[in-house]
Amino acid sequence: MNGCHDDDWLISRFRFPKAILLEICTELGPGLERQTARSHALPVPIIVLTTLGFLATGSFQRELADRSGMSQGALSRAIAAVLNGIIRISARYIRFPYDAVNQAHIKAQFAEIAGFPNVIGAIDCTHIAIKAPSEGEYAYVNRKHFHSLNVQIICDAQMRLTNIVARWPGSTHDSFLLTNSSVGNRLEPGIVERAIGQLKSRWRCLDRSGGMLLYHPEKVCRIVQACGVLHNIAHRHGVPLEVMALPDDPDPGPNNAQPNAEAIRTRQQLIARI
């Protein structure tokens, strides 16, 4: 990583300044070097920056591969390795406050914001647009009639993520997720909505403006989890972000969408179980 670009340029493309990028490369380096141990292994900074560029923009892999001077297959393997590396360190950055000291601190912060006692987390769900899966396609059609994963997020009063679960098909109703969650509450929805806005603003691959993610749902889950870790790393270091203006509907559906009858039946069955 040379010094020809300033921090503003690096943040605009990779979402972190040089010092933090170097820290991330150092932290992920040992694991990535083991995973890519072959005669022509790509340098760790190249695969880390390329992966961050993908997460930040949602660009097609072919375009990113051309920019980085690697084949699309090599880029796909590199992104998978970096995602795995980020997820392996997730416990250091995404932690629910189970201990009394941290809970008391967070309760005080929420009480100052909302005037309501004993709040240790704000919870909400958001949809991540995906390509129609080849199996169980109808289960991923949400109430806005596009394919998605429904992601549950809990954050603290500073909009740091304390829990993120990406596993449910888009047809799963928000109320089902929230009712079956063991932690958190929705008494301060503005906080978690802003946290989701920051997450999607910084990592545009998660926002519909960056296009849908063209991967199997399991890989999309890993992308979401990795973006959650990176969100908290950015918060820890106070990395600036120009948050995009969120629409009244944070998960707008496509124009002229046609309802999917099977998906509607599946969603109603889930709602009936609540």
C-alpha atoms as a PDB file:
ATOM      1  CA  MET A   1       0.000   0.000   0.000  1.00  0.00           C
ATOM      2  CA  ASN A   2       1.891   3.058  -1.208  1.00  0.00           C
ATOM      3  CA  GLY A   3       1.519   6.624  -0.009  1.00  0.00           C
ATOM      4  CA  CYS A   4       0.357   8.224  -3.247  1.00  0.00           C
ATOM      5  CA  HIS A   5      -3.243   8.669  -2.072  1.00  0.00           C
ATOM      6  CA  ASP A   6      -4.478  10.677   0.899  1.00  0.00           C
ATOM      7  CA  ASP A   7      -6.930   9.453   3.514  1.00  0.00           C
ATOM      8  CA  ASP A   8      -9.945  11.161   1.918  1.00  0.00           C
ATOM      9  CA  TRP A   9      -9.318   9.252  -1.310  1.00  0.00           C
ATOM     10  CA  LEU A  10      -8.869   5.962   0.549  1.00  0.00           C
ATOM     11  CA  ILE A  11     -12.032   6.489   2.619  1.00  0.00           C
ATOM     12  CA  SER A  12     -14.035   7.285  -0.526  1.00  0.00           C
ATOM     13  CA  ARG A  13     -13.032   3.970  -2.108  1.00  0.00           C
ATOM     14  CA  PHE A  14     -12.254   1.592   0.745  1.00  0.00           C
ATOM     15  CA  ARG A  15     -14.052   3.309   3.680  1.00  0.00           C
ATOM     16  CA  PHE A  16     -10.967   3.526   5.897  1.00  0.00           C
ATOM     17  CA  PRO A  17      -7.882   5.777   6.135  1.00  0.00           C
ATOM     18  CA  LYS A  18      -4.432   4.330   5.534  1.00  0.00           C
ATOM     19  CA  ALA A  19      -3.610   3.658   9.193  1.00  0.00           C
ATOM     20  CA  ILE A  20      -6.761   1.605   9.735  1.00  0.00           C
ATOM     21  CA  LEU A  21      -6.340  -0.236   6.429  1.00  0.00           C
ATOM     22  CA  LEU A  22      -2.861  -1.264   7.531  1.00  0.00           C
ATOM     23  CA  GLU A  23      -4.241  -2.454  10.888  1.00  0.00           C
ATOM     24  CA  ILE A  24      -6.897  -4.555   9.131  1.00  0.00           C
ATOM     25  CA  CYS A  25      -4.292  -6.072   6.794  1.00  0.00           C
ATOM     26  CA  THR A  26      -2.072  -6.879   9.771  1.00  0.00           C
ATOM     27  CA  GLU A  27      -4.927  -8.475  11.711  1.00  0.00           C
ATOM     28  CA  LEU A  28      -6.161 -10.542   8.772  1.00  0.00           C
ATOM     29  CA  GLY A  29      -2.733 -11.231   7.305  1.00  0.00           C
ATOM     30  CA  PRO A  30      -1.740 -14.505   9.044  1.00  0.00           C
ATOM     31  CA  GLY A  31      -5.023 -16.228   8.220  1.00  0.00           C
ATOM     32  CA  LEU A  32      -5.089 -14.954   4.637  1.00  0.00           C
ATOM     33  CA  GLU A  33      -1.523 -16.041   3.997  1.00  0.00           C
ATOM     34  CA  ARG A  34      -2.407 -19.564   5.137  1.00  0.00           C
ATOM     35  CA  GLN A  35      -5.546 -19.665   2.984  1.00  0.00           C
ATOM     36  CA  THR A  36      -3.775 -18.370  -0.130  1.00  0.00           C
ATOM     37  CA  ALA A  37      -0.537 -20.323   0.303  1.00  0.00           C
ATOM     38  CA  ARG A  38       0.248 -21.145  -3.330  1.00  0.00           C
ATOM     39  CA  SER A  39       3.065 -20.345  -5.738  1.00  0.00           C
ATOM     40  CA  HIS A  40       1.463 -17.166  -7.043  1.00  0.00           C
ATOM     41  CA  ALA A  41      -0.406 -15.955  -3.961  1.00  0.00           C
ATOM     42  CA  LEU A  42      -1.750 -12.417  -4.188  1.00  0.00           C
ATOM     43  CA  PRO A  43      -0.411  -9.898  -1.657  1.00  0.00           C
ATOM     44  CA  VAL A  44      -2.637  -9.461   1.396  1.00  0.00           C
ATOM     45  CA  PRO A  45      -3.120  -5.677   0.887  1.00  0.00           C
ATOM     46  CA  ILE A  46      -4.341  -6.271  -2.685  1.00  0.00           C
ATOM     47  CA  ILE A  47      -7.000  -8.806  -1.738  1.00  0.00           C
ATOM     48  CA  VAL A  48      -8.110  -6.844   1.338  1.00  0.00           C
ATOM     49  CA  LEU A  49      -8.463  -3.559  -0.568  1.00  0.00           C
ATOM     50  CA  THR A  50     -10.214  -5.252  -3.480  1.00  0.00           C
ATOM     51  CA  THR A  51     -12.705  -6.897  -1.115  1.00  0.00           C
ATOM     52  CA  LEU A  52     -13.351  -3.623   0.718  1.00  0.00           C
ATOM     53  CA  GLY A  53     -13.856  -1.943  -2.662  1.00  0.00           C
ATOM     54  CA  PHE A  54     -16.443  -4.557  -3.556  1.00  0.00           C
ATOM     55  CA  LEU A  55     -18.285  -4.168  -0.245  1.00  0.00           C
ATOM     56  CA  ALA A  56     -18.161  -0.375  -0.487  1.00  0.00           C
ATOM     57  CA  THR A  57     -19.603  -0.169  -4.004  1.00  0.00           C
ATOM     58  CA  GLY A  58     -21.315  -3.441  -4.886  1.00  0.00           C
ATOM     59  CA  SER A  59     -19.420  -3.382  -8.195  1.00  0.00           C
ATOM     60  CA  PHE A  60     -19.381  -6.464 -10.386  1.00  0.00           C
ATOM     61  CA  GLN A  61     -16.486  -8.808  -9.715  1.00  0.00           C
ATOM     62  CA  ARG A  62     -15.375  -8.727 -13.354  1.00  0.00           C
ATOM     63  CA  GLU A  63     -14.888  -4.958 -13.174  1.00  0.00           C
ATOM     64  CA  LEU A  64     -12.980  -5.182  -9.887  1.00  0.00           C
ATOM     65  CA  ALA A  65     -10.830  -8.034 -11.205  1.00  0.00           C
ATOM     66  CA  ASP A  66      -9.828  -5.956 -14.227  1.00  0.00           C
ATOM     67  CA  ARG A  67      -8.874  -3.023 -11.995  1.00  0.00           C
ATOM     68  CA  SER A  68      -6.804  -5.244  -9.719  1.00  0.00           C
ATOM     69  CA  GLY A  69      -5.098  -7.147 -12.524  1.00  0.00           C
ATOM     70  CA  MET A  70      -6.404 -10.582 -11.538  1.00  0.00           C
ATOM     71  CA  SER A  71      -8.772 -13.139 -12.999  1.00  0.00           C
ATOM     72  CA  GLN A  72     -12.386 -13.191 -11.893  1.00  0.00           C
ATOM     73  CA  GLY A  73     -11.851 -16.648 -10.386  1.00  0.00           C
ATOM     74  CA  ALA A  74      -8.874 -15.418  -8.374  1.00  0.00           C
ATOM     75  CA  LEU A  75     -10.890 -12.427  -7.183  1.00  0.00           C
ATOM     76  CA  SER A  76     -13.805 -14.637  -6.132  1.00  0.00           C
ATOM     77  CA  ARG A  77     -11.462 -16.824  -4.064  1.00  0.00           C
ATOM     78  CA  ALA A  78      -9.794 -13.745  -2.584  1.00  0.00           C
ATOM     79  CA  ILE A  79     -13.099 -12.191  -1.528  1.00  0.00           C
ATOM     80  CA  ALA A  80     -14.195 -15.469   0.074  1.00  0.00           C
ATOM     81  CA  ALA A  81     -10.910 -15.666   2.005  1.00  0.00           C
ATOM     82  CA  VAL A  82     -11.184 -12.081   3.246  1.00  0.00           C
ATOM     83  CA  LEU A  83     -14.829 -12.543   4.292  1.00  0.00           C
ATOM     84  CA  ASN A  84     -13.849 -15.670   6.220  1.00  0.00           C
ATOM     85  CA  GLY A  85     -11.010 -13.761   7.886  1.00  0.00           C
ATOM     86  CA  ILE A  86     -13.275 -10.906   8.938  1.00  0.00           C
ATOM     87  CA  ILE A  87     -15.903 -13.275  10.311  1.00  0.00           C
ATOM     88  CA  ARG A  88     -13.251 -15.116  12.342  1.00  0.00           C
ATOM     89  CA  ILE A  89     -12.487 -11.921  14.255  1.00  0.00           C
ATOM     90  CA  SER A  90     -16.149 -10.901  14.646  1.00  0.00           C
ATOM     91  CA  ALA A  91     -16.263 -11.788  18.359  1.00  0.00           C
ATOM     92  CA  ARG A  92     -13.756  -8.993  19.029  1.00  0.00           C
ATOM     93  CA  TYR A  93     -15.969  -6.357  17.467  1.00  0.00           C
ATOM     94  CA  ILE A  94     -19.614  -7.450  17.763  1.00  0.00           C
ATOM     95  CA  ARG A  95     -20.458  -8.272  21.366  1.00  0.00           C
ATOM     96  CA  PHE A  96     -23.759  -8.130  23.200  1.00  0.00           C
ATOM     97  CA  PRO A  97     -23.388  -6.506  26.664  1.00  0.00           C
ATOM     98  CA  TYR A  98     -24.034  -9.446  28.972  1.00  0.00           C
ATOM     99  CA  ASP A  99     -21.948  -8.101  31.877  1.00  0.00           C
ATOM    100  CA  ALA A 100     -23.493  -5.772  34.450  1.00  0.00           C
ATOM    101  CA  VAL A 101     -20.962  -2.950  34.010  1.00  0.00           C
ATOM    102  CA  ASN A 102     -21.507  -2.579  30.260  1.00  0.00           C
ATOM    103  CA  GLN A 103     -25.255  -2.989  30.635  1.00  0.00           C
ATOM    104  CA  ALA A 104     -25.415  -0.198  33.205  1.00  0.00           C
ATOM    105  CA  HIS A 105     -23.397   2.086  30.936  1.00  0.00           C
ATOM    106  CA  ILE A 106     -25.622   1.429  27.921  1.00  0.00           C
ATOM    107  CA  LYS A 107     -28.804   1.788  29.990  1.00  0.00           C
ATOM    108  CA  ALA A 108     -27.638   5.217  31.111  1.00  0.00           C
ATOM    109  CA  GLN A 109     -26.957   6.271  27.515  1.00  0.00           C
ATOM    110  CA  PHE A 110     -30.378   5.119  26.288  1.00  0.00           C
ATOM    111  CA  ALA A 111     -32.086   6.779  29.264  1.00  0.00           C
ATOM    112  CA  GLU A 112     -30.378  10.050  28.383  1.00  0.00           C
ATOM    113  CA  ILE A 113     -31.546   9.783  24.769  1.00  0.00           C
ATOM    114  CA  ALA A 114     -35.090   8.469  25.185  1.00  0.00           C
ATOM    115  CA  GLY A 115     -35.894   8.936  28.854  1.00  0.00           C
ATOM    116  CA  PHE A 116     -36.804   5.262  29.201  1.00  0.00           C
ATOM    117  CA  PRO A 117     -35.015   3.051  31.760  1.00  0.00           C
ATOM    118  CA  ASN A 118     -33.356  -0.352  31.445  1.00  0.00           C
ATOM    119  CA  VAL A 119     -32.841  -0.386  27.672  1.00  0.00           C
ATOM    120  CA  ILE A 120     -29.769  -2.354  26.606  1.00  0.00           C
ATOM    121  CA  GLY A 121     -30.400  -2.548  22.863  1.00  0.00           C
ATOM    122  CA  ALA A 122     -32.554  -1.253  20.027  1.00  0.00           C
ATOM    123  CA  ILE A 123     -33.681  -3.895  17.518  1.00  0.00           C
ATOM    124  CA  ASP A 124     -35.045  -3.795  13.991  1.00  0.00           C
ATOM    125  CA  CYS A 125     -34.901  -5.682  10.709  1.00  0.00           C
ATOM    126  CA  THR A 126     -33.838  -4.732   7.201  1.00  0.00           C
ATOM    127  CA  HIS A 127     -33.968  -6.428   3.810  1.00  0.00           C
ATOM    128  CA  ILE A 128     -30.885  -7.143   1.688  1.00  0.00           C
ATOM    129  CA  ALA A 129     -31.792  -7.574  -1.978  1.00  0.00           C
ATOM    130  CA  ILE A 130     -30.477 -10.774  -3.587  1.00  0.00           C
ATOM    131  CA  LYS A 131     -30.692 -12.634  -6.874  1.00  0.00           C
ATOM    132  CA  ALA A 132     -33.531 -15.178  -6.991  1.00  0.00           C
ATOM    133  CA  PRO A 133     -32.074 -18.418  -5.548  1.00  0.00           C
ATOM    134  CA  SER A 134     -32.285 -21.577  -7.631  1.00  0.00           C
ATOM    135  CA  GLU A 135     -33.880 -23.470  -4.721  1.00  0.00           C
ATOM    136  CA  GLY A 136     -36.877 -22.339  -2.682  1.00  0.00           C
ATOM    137  CA  GLU A 137     -37.077 -19.139  -4.714  1.00  0.00           C
ATOM    138  CA  TYR A 138     -40.557 -18.154  -3.520  1.00  0.00           C
ATOM    139  CA  ALA A 139     -39.467 -18.204   0.149  1.00  0.00           C
ATOM    140  CA  TYR A 140     -37.172 -15.240  -0.511  1.00  0.00           C
ATOM    141  CA  VAL A 141     -39.847 -12.969  -2.002  1.00  0.00           C
ATOM    142  CA  ASN A 142     -40.714 -10.333   0.601  1.00  0.00           C
ATOM    143  CA  ARG A 143     -43.840  -8.236   0.974  1.00  0.00           C
ATOM    144  CA  LYS A 144     -42.378  -5.646  -1.432  1.00  0.00           C
ATOM    145  CA  HIS A 145     -42.169  -8.407  -4.054  1.00  0.00           C
ATOM    146  CA  PHE A 146     -38.399  -8.586  -4.445  1.00  0.00           C
ATOM    147  CA  HIS A 147     -36.024 -11.351  -3.358  1.00  0.00           C
ATOM    148  CA  SER A 148     -34.173 -10.648  -0.139  1.00  0.00           C
ATOM    149  CA  LEU A 149     -32.702 -11.816   3.124  1.00  0.00           C
ATOM    150  CA  ASN A 150     -34.338 -10.384   6.230  1.00  0.00           C
ATOM    151  CA  VAL A 151     -31.585  -9.314   8.637  1.00  0.00           C
ATOM    152  CA  GLN A 152     -32.125  -8.650  12.345  1.00  0.00           C
ATOM    153  CA  ILE A 153     -29.875  -6.014  13.900  1.00  0.00           C
ATOM    154  CA  ILE A 154     -29.416  -4.879  17.514  1.00  0.00           C
ATOM    155  CA  CYS A 155     -27.375  -1.793  18.349  1.00  0.00           C
ATOM    156  CA  ASP A 156     -26.393   0.194  21.417  1.00  0.00           C
ATOM    157  CA  ALA A 157     -27.012   3.896  22.021  1.00  0.00           C
ATOM    158  CA  GLN A 158     -23.909   4.820  19.990  1.00  0.00           C
ATOM    159  CA  MET A 159     -25.155   2.833  16.949  1.00  0.00           C
ATOM    160  CA  ARG A 160     -22.531   0.139  17.395  1.00  0.00           C
ATOM    161  CA  LEU A 161     -23.878  -3.263  16.411  1.00  0.00           C
ATOM    162  CA  THR A 162     -24.145  -5.679  19.331  1.00  0.00           C
ATOM    163  CA  ASN A 163     -25.863  -8.466  17.419  1.00  0.00           C
ATOM    164  CA  ILE A 164     -26.506  -9.182  13.743  1.00  0.00           C
ATOM    165  CA  VAL A 165     -28.299 -12.230  12.395  1.00  0.00           C
ATOM    166  CA  ALA A 166     -28.619 -12.787   8.654  1.00  0.00           C
ATOM    167  CA  ARG A 167     -30.264 -16.108   7.986  1.00  0.00           C
ATOM    168  CA  TRP A 168     -33.964 -15.631   7.257  1.00  0.00           C
ATOM    169  CA  PRO A 169     -35.514 -15.595   3.773  1.00  0.00           C
ATOM    170  CA  GLY A 170     -37.202 -12.315   2.869  1.00  0.00           C
ATOM    171  CA  SER A 171     -40.684 -13.787   3.207  1.00  0.00           C
ATOM    172  CA  THR A 172     -40.123 -14.070   6.977  1.00  0.00           C
ATOM    173  CA  HIS A 173     -42.139 -11.284   8.584  1.00  0.00           C
ATOM    174  CA  ASP A 174     -40.304  -8.796  10.827  1.00  0.00           C
ATOM    175  CA  SER A 175     -42.666  -9.562  13.705  1.00  0.00           C
ATOM    176  CA  PHE A 176     -41.656 -13.233  13.604  1.00  0.00           C
ATOM    177  CA  LEU A 177     -37.979 -12.320  13.961  1.00  0.00           C
ATOM    178  CA  LEU A 178     -38.513  -9.751  16.694  1.00  0.00           C
ATOM    179  CA  THR A 179     -40.956 -11.867  18.692  1.00  0.00           C
ATOM    180  CA  ASN A 180     -38.575 -14.819  18.658  1.00  0.00           C
ATOM    181  CA  SER A 181     -35.545 -12.738  19.615  1.00  0.00           C
ATOM    182  CA  SER A 182     -34.304 -13.239  23.164  1.00  0.00           C
ATOM    183  CA  VAL A 183     -32.758  -9.781  23.577  1.00  0.00           C
ATOM    184  CA  GLY A 184     -33.234  -6.140  22.726  1.00  0.00           C
ATOM    185  CA  ASN A 185     -36.309  -3.939  22.348  1.00  0.00           C
ATOM    186  CA  ARG A 186     -37.840  -1.430  19.956  1.00  0.00           C
ATOM    187  CA  LEU A 187     -38.405   1.484  22.320  1.00  0.00           C
ATOM    188  CA  GLU A 188     -35.891   3.680  20.495  1.00  0.00           C
ATOM    189  CA  PRO A 189     -36.306   2.725  16.818  1.00  0.00           C
ATOM    190  CA  GLY A 190     -34.619   5.901  15.556  1.00  0.00           C
ATOM    191  CA  ILE A 191     -31.249   4.710  16.853  1.00  0.00           C
ATOM    192  CA  VAL A 192     -31.292   1.345  15.115  1.00  0.00           C
ATOM    193  CA  GLU A 193     -32.730   2.820  11.918  1.00  0.00           C
ATOM    194  CA  ARG A 194     -29.824   5.253  11.806  1.00  0.00           C
ATOM    195  CA  ALA A 195     -27.392   2.405  12.501  1.00  0.00           C
ATOM    196  CA  ILE A 196     -28.857   0.457   9.571  1.00  0.00           C
ATOM    197  CA  GLY A 197     -28.613   3.614   7.454  1.00  0.00           C
ATOM    198  CA  GLN A 198     -24.929   3.959   8.318  1.00  0.00           C
ATOM    199  CA  LEU A 199     -24.281   0.279   7.623  1.00  0.00           C
ATOM    200  CA  LYS A 200     -25.868   0.486   4.173  1.00  0.00           C
ATOM    201  CA  SER A 201     -24.327   3.872   3.392  1.00  0.00           C
ATOM    202  CA  ARG A 202     -20.802   2.726   4.109  1.00  0.00           C
ATOM    203  CA  TRP A 203     -21.193  -0.713   2.519  1.00  0.00           C
ATOM    204  CA  ARG A 204     -23.329  -0.005  -0.526  1.00  0.00           C
ATOM    205  CA  CYS A 205     -23.386  -3.646  -1.607  1.00  0.00           C
ATOM    206  CA  LEU A 206     -26.098  -4.023   1.074  1.00  0.00           C
ATOM    207  CA  ASP A 207     -28.266  -1.204  -0.282  1.00  0.00           C
ATOM    208  CA  ARG A 208     -30.571  -1.517  -3.277  1.00  0.00           C
ATOM    209  CA  SER A 209     -28.845   1.514  -4.816  1.00  0.00           C
ATOM    210  CA  GLY A 210     -25.768  -0.710  -5.131  1.00  0.00           C
ATOM    211  CA  GLY A 211     -27.837  -3.373  -6.931  1.00  0.00           C
ATOM    212  CA  MET A 212     -28.795  -6.816  -5.711  1.00  0.00           C
ATOM    213  CA  LEU A 213     -26.184  -9.283  -4.468  1.00  0.00           C
ATOM    214  CA  LEU A 214     -25.752 -11.984  -7.096  1.00  0.00           C
ATOM    215  CA  TYR A 215     -24.767 -14.800  -4.751  1.00  0.00           C
ATOM    216  CA  HIS A 216     -26.199 -17.803  -2.965  1.00  0.00           C
ATOM    217  CA  PRO A 217     -28.034 -16.734   0.243  1.00  0.00           C
ATOM    218  CA  GLU A 218     -25.393 -18.419   2.416  1.00  0.00           C
ATOM    219  CA  LYS A 219     -22.645 -16.232   0.909  1.00  0.00           C
ATOM    220  CA  VAL A 220     -24.844 -13.145   1.243  1.00  0.00           C
ATOM    221  CA  CYS A 221     -25.174 -13.948   4.960  1.00  0.00           C
ATOM    222  CA  ARG A 222     -21.381 -13.936   5.216  1.00  0.00           C
ATOM    223  CA  ILE A 223     -21.174 -10.619   3.371  1.00  0.00           C
ATOM    224  CA  VAL A 224     -23.696  -9.072   5.783  1.00  0.00           C
ATOM    225  CA  GLN A 225     -21.815 -10.394   8.820  1.00  0.00           C
ATOM    226  CA  ALA A 226     -18.502  -9.083   7.517  1.00  0.00           C
ATOM    227  CA  CYS A 227     -20.001  -5.661   6.833  1.00  0.00           C
ATOM    228  CA  GLY A 228     -21.291  -5.603  10.420  1.00  0.00           C
ATOM    229  CA  VAL A 229     -17.776  -6.205  11.752  1.00  0.00           C
ATOM    230  CA  LEU A 230     -16.358  -3.475   9.498  1.00  0.00           C
ATOM    231  CA  HIS A 231     -19.128  -1.101  10.610  1.00  0.00           C
ATOM    232  CA  ASN A 232     -17.993  -1.494  14.217  1.00  0.00           C
ATOM    233  CA  ILE A 233     -14.319  -1.124  13.308  1.00  0.00           C
ATOM    234  CA  ALA A 234     -15.177   2.176  11.633  1.00  0.00           C
ATOM    235  CA  HIS A 235     -17.126   3.266  14.714  1.00  0.00           C
ATOM    236  CA  ARG A 236     -14.311   2.290  17.057  1.00  0.00           C
ATOM    237  CA  HIS A 237     -11.907   4.531  15.136  1.00  0.00           C
ATOM    238  CA  GLY A 238     -14.355   7.363  14.435  1.00  0.00           C
ATOM    239  CA  VAL A 239     -14.018   7.050  10.655  1.00  0.00           C
ATOM    240  CA  PRO A 240     -16.182   9.769   9.063  1.00  0.00           C
ATOM    241  CA  LEU A 241     -19.102   8.874   6.839  1.00  0.00           C
ATOM    242  CA  GLU A 242     -21.382  11.017   4.734  1.00  0.00           C
ATOM    243  CA  VAL A 243     -24.641   9.196   5.381  1.00  0.00           C
ATOM    244  CA  MET A 244     -27.034   9.100   2.452  1.00  0.00           C
ATOM    245  CA  ALA A 245     -30.520  10.474   2.948  1.00  0.00           C
ATOM    246  CA  LEU A 246     -32.812   7.568   3.781  1.00  0.00           C
ATOM    247  CA  PRO A 247     -36.223   7.417   2.087  1.00  0.00           C
ATOM    248  CA  ASP A 248     -39.407   7.126   4.119  1.00  0.00           C
ATOM    249  CA  ASP A 249     -39.395   3.461   3.123  1.00  0.00           C
ATOM    250  CA  PRO A 250     -35.870   2.080   3.723  1.00  0.00           C
ATOM    251  CA  ASP A 251     -36.605  -1.084   1.719  1.00  0.00           C
ATOM    252  CA  PRO A 252     -38.480   0.116  -1.391  1.00  0.00           C
ATOM    253  CA  GLY A 253     -39.680  -2.482  -3.835  1.00  0.00           C
ATOM    254  CA  PRO A 254     -39.067  -2.466  -7.584  1.00  0.00           C
ATOM    255  CA  ASN A 255     -41.429  -0.678  -9.944  1.00  0.00           C
ATOM    256  CA  ASN A 256     -44.261  -2.730 -11.472  1.00  0.00           C
ATOM    257  CA  ALA A 257     -43.505  -5.719  -9.238  1.00  0.00           C
ATOM    258  CA  GLN A 258     -45.855  -8.673  -9.627  1.00  0.00           C
ATOM    259  CA  PRO A 259     -46.974 -10.427  -6.427  1.00  0.00           C
ATOM    260  CA  ASN A 260     -45.835 -14.020  -6.009  1.00  0.00           C
ATOM    261  CA  ALA A 261     -48.786 -16.085  -4.799  1.00  0.00           C
ATOM    262  CA  GLU A 262     -46.647 -18.849  -3.271  1.00  0.00           C
ATOM    263  CA  ALA A 263     -44.521 -16.294  -1.416  1.00  0.00           C
ATOM    264  CA  ILE A 264     -47.637 -14.579  -0.048  1.00  0.00           C
ATOM    265  CA  ARG A 265     -48.968 -17.917   1.271  1.00  0.00           C
ATOM    266  CA  THR A 266     -45.615 -18.693   2.905  1.00  0.00           C
ATOM    267  CA  ARG A 267     -45.488 -15.261   4.564  1.00  0.00           C
ATOM    268  CA  GLN A 268     -49.049 -15.587   5.882  1.00  0.00           C
ATOM    269  CA  GLN A 269     -48.221 -19.003   7.342  1.00  0.00           C
ATOM    270  CA  LEU A 270     -45.241 -17.522   9.181  1.00  0.00           C
ATOM    271  CA  ILE A 271     -47.302 -14.592  10.496  1.00  0.00           C
ATOM    272  CA  ALA A 272     -49.945 -17.029  11.735  1.00  0.00           C
ATOM    273  CA  ARG A 273     -47.296 -18.780  13.850  1.00  0.00           C
ATOM    274  CA  ILE A 274     -46.472 -15.628  15.819  1.00  0.00           C
END
